[in-house]
Amino acid sequence: CLVNSMNKYIFLDLDGTITQSEFG
């Protein structure tokens, strides 16, 4: 599918998306 190129606001989860949080 095609993303809307105008998407400007990016919401990111933290654990498992930015950090490998499993250890702590």
PDB file of all heavy atoms in Angstrom:
ATOM      1  N   CYS A   1       0.857  -1.175   0.000  1.00  0.00           N
ATOM      2  CA  CYS A   1       0.000   0.000   0.000  1.00  0.00           C
ATOM      3  C   CYS A   1       0.892   1.223   0.000  1.00  0.00           C
ATOM      4  O   CYS A   1       2.080   1.144   0.251  1.00  0.00           O
ATOM      5  CB  CYS A   1      -0.958   0.007   1.203  1.00  0.00           C
ATOM      6  SG  CYS A   1      -0.167  -0.147   2.791  1.00  0.00           S
ATOM      7  N   LEU A   2       0.326   2.380  -0.297  1.00  0.00           N
ATOM      8  CA  LEU A   2       1.115   3.579  -0.475  1.00  0.00           C
ATOM      9  C   LEU A   2       0.929   4.518   0.702  1.00  0.00           C
ATOM     10  O   LEU A   2      -0.190   4.859   1.062  1.00  0.00           O
ATOM     11  CB  LEU A   2       0.705   4.295  -1.772  1.00  0.00           C
ATOM     12  CG  LEU A   2       0.927   3.501  -3.063  1.00  0.00           C
ATOM     13  CD1 LEU A   2       0.359   4.280  -4.241  1.00  0.00           C
ATOM     14  CD2 LEU A   2       2.410   3.216  -3.279  1.00  0.00           C
ATOM     15  N   VAL A   3       2.040   4.943   1.311  1.00  0.00           N
ATOM     16  CA  VAL A   3       1.961   5.891   2.410  1.00  0.00           C
ATOM     17  C   VAL A   3       1.700   7.285   1.851  1.00  0.00           C
ATOM     18  O   VAL A   3       2.109   7.608   0.742  1.00  0.00           O
ATOM     19  CB  VAL A   3       3.272   5.880   3.232  1.00  0.00           C
ATOM     20  CG1 VAL A   3       4.395   6.551   2.468  1.00  0.00           C
ATOM     21  CG2 VAL A   3       3.080   6.557   4.577  1.00  0.00           C
ATOM     22  N   ASN A   4       0.970   8.080   2.615  1.00  0.00           N
ATOM     23  CA  ASN A   4       0.725   9.468   2.250  1.00  0.00           C
ATOM     24  C   ASN A   4       2.016  10.252   2.466  1.00  0.00           C
ATOM     25  O   ASN A   4       2.490  10.376   3.591  1.00  0.00           O
ATOM     26  CB  ASN A   4      -0.397  10.027   3.143  1.00  0.00           C
ATOM     27  CG  ASN A   4      -0.628  11.501   2.921  1.00  0.00           C
ATOM     28  OD1 ASN A   4      -0.029  12.114   2.053  1.00  0.00           O
ATOM     29  ND2 ASN A   4      -1.505  12.063   3.732  1.00  0.00           N
ATOM     30  N   SER A   5       2.583  10.782   1.397  1.00  0.00           N
ATOM     31  CA  SER A   5       3.867  11.469   1.507  1.00  0.00           C
ATOM     32  C   SER A   5       3.785  12.726   2.361  1.00  0.00           C
ATOM     33  O   SER A   5       4.805  13.292   2.736  1.00  0.00           O
ATOM     34  CB  SER A   5       4.387  11.837   0.115  1.00  0.00           C
ATOM     35  OG  SER A   5       3.484  12.719  -0.530  1.00  0.00           O
ATOM     36  N   MET A   6       2.559  13.176   2.674  1.00  0.00           N
ATOM     37  CA  MET A   6       2.397  14.369   3.491  1.00  0.00           C
ATOM     38  C   MET A   6       2.436  14.043   4.983  1.00  0.00           C
ATOM     39  O   MET A   6       2.382  14.956   5.799  1.00  0.00           O
ATOM     40  CB  MET A   6       1.081  15.062   3.147  1.00  0.00           C
ATOM     41  CG  MET A   6       1.018  15.594   1.725  1.00  0.00           C
ATOM     42  SD  MET A   6       2.348  16.768   1.365  1.00  0.00           S
ATOM     43  CE  MET A   6       1.845  18.117   2.430  1.00  0.00           C
ATOM     44  N   ASN A   7       2.490  12.771   5.354  1.00  0.00           N
ATOM     45  CA  ASN A   7       2.539  12.418   6.773  1.00  0.00           C
ATOM     46  C   ASN A   7       3.732  13.108   7.426  1.00  0.00           C
ATOM     47  O   ASN A   7       4.882  12.882   7.047  1.00  0.00           O
ATOM     48  CB  ASN A   7       2.648  10.901   6.957  1.00  0.00           C
ATOM     49  CG  ASN A   7       1.345  10.188   6.656  1.00  0.00           C
ATOM     50  OD1 ASN A   7       1.297   9.333   5.797  1.00  0.00           O
ATOM     51  ND2 ASN A   7       0.288  10.548   7.359  1.00  0.00           N
ATOM     52  N   LYS A   8       3.446  13.929   8.396  1.00  0.00           N
ATOM     53  CA  LYS A   8       4.503  14.726   9.013  1.00  0.00           C
ATOM     54  C   LYS A   8       4.738  14.366  10.469  1.00  0.00           C
ATOM     55  O   LYS A   8       5.824  14.563  10.993  1.00  0.00           O
ATOM     56  CB  LYS A   8       4.168  16.214   8.898  1.00  0.00           C
ATOM     57  CG  LYS A   8       5.288  17.126   9.362  1.00  0.00           C
ATOM     58  CD  LYS A   8       4.980  18.576   9.088  1.00  0.00           C
ATOM     59  CE  LYS A   8       6.159  19.461   9.509  1.00  0.00           C
ATOM     60  NZ  LYS A   8       5.898  20.898   9.244  1.00  0.00           N
ATOM     61  N   TYR A   9       3.719  13.824  11.131  1.00  0.00           N
ATOM     62  CA  TYR A   9       3.813  13.558  12.563  1.00  0.00           C
ATOM     63  C   TYR A   9       4.053  12.072  12.767  1.00  0.00           C
ATOM     64  O   TYR A   9       3.230  11.239  12.374  1.00  0.00           O
ATOM     65  CB  TYR A   9       2.550  14.037  13.274  1.00  0.00           C
ATOM     66  CG  TYR A   9       2.148  15.417  12.809  1.00  0.00           C
ATOM     67  CD1 TYR A   9       0.964  15.622  12.109  1.00  0.00           C
ATOM     68  CD2 TYR A   9       2.983  16.502  13.026  1.00  0.00           C
ATOM     69  CE1 TYR A   9       0.611  16.877  11.646  1.00  0.00           C
ATOM     70  CE2 TYR A   9       2.645  17.769  12.564  1.00  0.00           C
ATOM     71  CZ  TYR A   9       1.462  17.947  11.875  1.00  0.00           C
ATOM     72  OH  TYR A   9       1.133  19.186  11.399  1.00  0.00           O
ATOM     73  N   ILE A  10       5.183  11.742  13.365  1.00  0.00           N
ATOM     74  CA  ILE A  10       5.582  10.349  13.520  1.00  0.00           C
ATOM     75  C   ILE A  10       5.562  10.006  15.006  1.00  0.00           C
ATOM     76  O   ILE A  10       6.325  10.564  15.796  1.00  0.00           O
ATOM     77  CB  ILE A  10       7.000  10.105  12.947  1.00  0.00           C
ATOM     78  CG1 ILE A  10       7.140  10.728  11.548  1.00  0.00           C
ATOM     79  CG2 ILE A  10       7.297   8.614  12.924  1.00  0.00           C
ATOM     80  CD1 ILE A  10       6.155  10.200  10.526  1.00  0.00           C
ATOM     81  N   PHE A  11       4.649   9.099  15.383  1.00  0.00           N
ATOM     82  CA  PHE A  11       4.541   8.636  16.756  1.00  0.00           C
ATOM     83  C   PHE A  11       5.205   7.268  16.847  1.00  0.00           C
ATOM     84  O   PHE A  11       4.854   6.356  16.090  1.00  0.00           O
ATOM     85  CB  PHE A  11       3.075   8.515  17.190  1.00  0.00           C
ATOM     86  CG  PHE A  11       2.308   9.811  17.196  1.00  0.00           C
ATOM     87  CD1 PHE A  11       0.930   9.801  17.393  1.00  0.00           C
ATOM     88  CD2 PHE A  11       2.937  11.048  17.019  1.00  0.00           C
ATOM     89  CE1 PHE A  11       0.195  10.985  17.414  1.00  0.00           C
ATOM     90  CE2 PHE A  11       2.216  12.238  17.031  1.00  0.00           C
ATOM     91  CZ  PHE A  11       0.840  12.199  17.231  1.00  0.00           C
ATOM     92  N   LEU A  12       6.157   7.119  17.754  1.00  0.00           N
ATOM     93  CA  LEU A  12       6.887   5.858  17.890  1.00  0.00           C
ATOM     94  C   LEU A  12       6.726   5.278  19.280  1.00  0.00           C
ATOM     95  O   LEU A  12       6.890   5.983  20.297  1.00  0.00           O
ATOM     96  CB  LEU A  12       8.382   6.067  17.626  1.00  0.00           C
ATOM     97  CG  LEU A  12       8.783   6.577  16.245  1.00  0.00           C
ATOM     98  CD1 LEU A  12       9.233   8.036  16.340  1.00  0.00           C
ATOM     99  CD2 LEU A  12       9.871   5.730  15.632  1.00  0.00           C
ATOM    100  N   ASP A  13       6.405   3.996  19.326  1.00  0.00           N
ATOM    101  CA  ASP A  13       6.480   3.264  20.580  1.00  0.00           C
ATOM    102  C   ASP A  13       7.942   3.228  21.011  1.00  0.00           C
ATOM    103  O   ASP A  13       8.852   3.455  20.193  1.00  0.00           O
ATOM    104  CB  ASP A  13       5.928   1.845  20.362  1.00  0.00           C
ATOM    105  CG  ASP A  13       5.903   1.027  21.637  1.00  0.00           C
ATOM    106  OD1 ASP A  13       5.529   1.581  22.690  1.00  0.00           O
ATOM    107  OD2 ASP A  13       6.257  -0.164  21.581  1.00  0.00           O
ATOM    108  N   LEU A  14       8.194   2.938  22.272  1.00  0.00           N
ATOM    109  CA  LEU A  14       9.574   2.929  22.781  1.00  0.00           C
ATOM    110  C   LEU A  14      10.143   1.510  22.853  1.00  0.00           C
ATOM    111  O   LEU A  14      11.037   1.145  22.091  1.00  0.00           O
ATOM    112  CB  LEU A  14       9.628   3.599  24.152  1.00  0.00           C
ATOM    113  CG  LEU A  14      11.000   3.718  24.802  1.00  0.00           C
ATOM    114  CD1 LEU A  14      11.949   4.549  23.939  1.00  0.00           C
ATOM    115  CD2 LEU A  14      10.882   4.332  26.203  1.00  0.00           C
ATOM    116  N   ASP A  15       9.586   0.698  23.747  1.00  0.00           N
ATOM    117  CA  ASP A  15      10.080  -0.668  23.933  1.00  0.00           C
ATOM    118  C   ASP A  15       9.775  -1.516  22.706  1.00  0.00           C
ATOM    119  O   ASP A  15       8.620  -1.621  22.287  1.00  0.00           O
ATOM    120  CB  ASP A  15       9.436  -1.320  25.165  1.00  0.00           C
ATOM    121  CG  ASP A  15       9.753  -0.571  26.449  1.00  0.00           C
ATOM    122  OD1 ASP A  15      10.766   0.141  26.478  1.00  0.00           O
ATOM    123  OD2 ASP A  15       8.979  -0.704  27.417  1.00  0.00           O
ATOM    124  N   GLY A  16      10.805  -2.122  22.130  1.00  0.00           N
ATOM    125  CA  GLY A  16      10.587  -2.995  20.985  1.00  0.00           C
ATOM    126  C   GLY A  16      10.489  -2.265  19.657  1.00  0.00           C
ATOM    127  O   GLY A  16      10.332  -2.897  18.618  1.00  0.00           O
ATOM    128  N   THR A  17      10.598  -0.940  19.691  1.00  0.00           N
ATOM    129  CA  THR A  17      10.558  -0.142  18.467  1.00  0.00           C
ATOM    130  C   THR A  17      11.799   0.736  18.357  1.00  0.00           C
ATOM    131  O   THR A  17      12.438   0.789  17.316  1.00  0.00           O
ATOM    132  CB  THR A  17       9.295   0.732  18.427  1.00  0.00           C
ATOM    133  OG1 THR A  17       8.137  -0.111  18.500  1.00  0.00           O
ATOM    134  CG2 THR A  17       9.224   1.553  17.145  1.00  0.00           C
ATOM    135  N   ILE A  18      12.145   1.393  19.457  1.00  0.00           N
ATOM    136  CA  ILE A  18      13.377   2.183  19.508  1.00  0.00           C
ATOM    137  C   ILE A  18      14.447   1.435  20.301  1.00  0.00           C
ATOM    138  O   ILE A  18      15.609   1.378  19.885  1.00  0.00           O
ATOM    139  CB  ILE A  18      13.113   3.569  20.124  1.00  0.00           C
ATOM    140  CG1 ILE A  18      12.154   4.372  19.236  1.00  0.00           C
ATOM    141  CG2 ILE A  18      14.422   4.331  20.326  1.00  0.00           C
ATOM    142  CD1 ILE A  18      11.774   5.730  19.800  1.00  0.00           C
ATOM    143  N   THR A  19      14.043   0.854  21.432  1.00  0.00           N
ATOM    144  CA  THR A  19      15.015   0.171  22.301  1.00  0.00           C
ATOM    145  C   THR A  19      14.732  -1.320  22.417  1.00  0.00           C
ATOM    146  O   THR A  19      13.581  -1.752  22.398  1.00  0.00           O
ATOM    147  CB  THR A  19      15.006   0.774  23.720  1.00  0.00           C
ATOM    148  OG1 THR A  19      13.709   0.553  24.307  1.00  0.00           O
ATOM    149  CG2 THR A  19      15.311   2.253  23.695  1.00  0.00           C
ATOM    150  N   GLN A  20      15.807  -2.077  22.563  1.00  0.00           N
ATOM    151  CA  GLN A  20      15.710  -3.503  22.882  1.00  0.00           C
ATOM    152  C   GLN A  20      15.599  -3.612  24.400  1.00  0.00           C
ATOM    153  O   GLN A  20      16.573  -3.878  25.095  1.00  0.00           O
ATOM    154  CB  GLN A  20      16.951  -4.242  22.380  1.00  0.00           C
ATOM    155  CG  GLN A  20      17.173  -4.137  20.888  1.00  0.00           C
ATOM    156  CD  GLN A  20      18.437  -4.834  20.451  1.00  0.00           C
ATOM    157  OE1 GLN A  20      18.556  -6.065  20.550  1.00  0.00           O
ATOM    158  NE2 GLN A  20      19.404  -4.053  19.978  1.00  0.00           N
ATOM    159  N   SER A  21      14.417  -3.427  24.873  1.00  0.00           N
ATOM    160  CA  SER A  21      14.186  -3.220  26.305  1.00  0.00           C
ATOM    161  C   SER A  21      14.075  -4.501  27.106  1.00  0.00           C
ATOM    162  O   SER A  21      13.911  -4.458  28.322  1.00  0.00           O
ATOM    163  CB  SER A  21      12.908  -2.404  26.486  1.00  0.00           C
ATOM    164  OG  SER A  21      11.828  -3.048  25.821  1.00  0.00           O
ATOM    165  N   GLU A  22      14.146  -5.647  26.445  1.00  0.00           N
ATOM    166  CA  GLU A  22      13.880  -6.910  27.133  1.00  0.00           C
ATOM    167  C   GLU A  22      14.797  -7.154  28.318  1.00  0.00           C
ATOM    168  O   GLU A  22      14.378  -7.734  29.331  1.00  0.00           O
ATOM    169  CB  GLU A  22      14.001  -8.074  26.154  1.00  0.00           C
ATOM    170  CG  GLU A  22      15.380  -8.243  25.557  1.00  0.00           C
ATOM    171  CD  GLU A  22      15.403  -9.271  24.441  1.00  0.00           C
ATOM    172  OE1 GLU A  22      15.450 -10.466  24.766  1.00  0.00           O
ATOM    173  OE2 GLU A  22      15.389  -8.868  23.276  1.00  0.00           O
ATOM    174  N   PHE A  23      16.041  -6.740  28.229  1.00  0.00           N
ATOM    175  CA  PHE A  23      17.016  -7.076  29.262  1.00  0.00           C
ATOM    176  C   PHE A  23      16.657  -6.435  30.601  1.00  0.00           C
ATOM    177  O   PHE A  23      16.563  -7.112  31.627  1.00  0.00           O
ATOM    178  CB  PHE A  23      18.416  -6.654  28.809  1.00  0.00           C
ATOM    179  CG  PHE A  23      18.755  -7.144  27.435  1.00  0.00           C
ATOM    180  CD1 PHE A  23      18.788  -6.275  26.350  1.00  0.00           C
ATOM    181  CD2 PHE A  23      19.001  -8.493  27.208  1.00  0.00           C
ATOM    182  CE1 PHE A  23      19.083  -6.730  25.074  1.00  0.00           C
ATOM    183  CE2 PHE A  23      19.298  -8.956  25.928  1.00  0.00           C
ATOM    184  CZ  PHE A  23      19.332  -8.076  24.863  1.00  0.00           C
ATOM    185  N   GLY A  24      16.437  -5.133  30.592  1.00  0.00           N
ATOM    186  CA  GLY A  24      16.074  -4.451  31.825  1.00  0.00           C
ATOM    187  C   GLY A  24      14.686  -4.817  32.311  1.00  0.00           C
ATOM    188  O   GLY A  24      14.455  -4.955  33.517  1.00  0.00           O
TER     189      GLY A  24
END
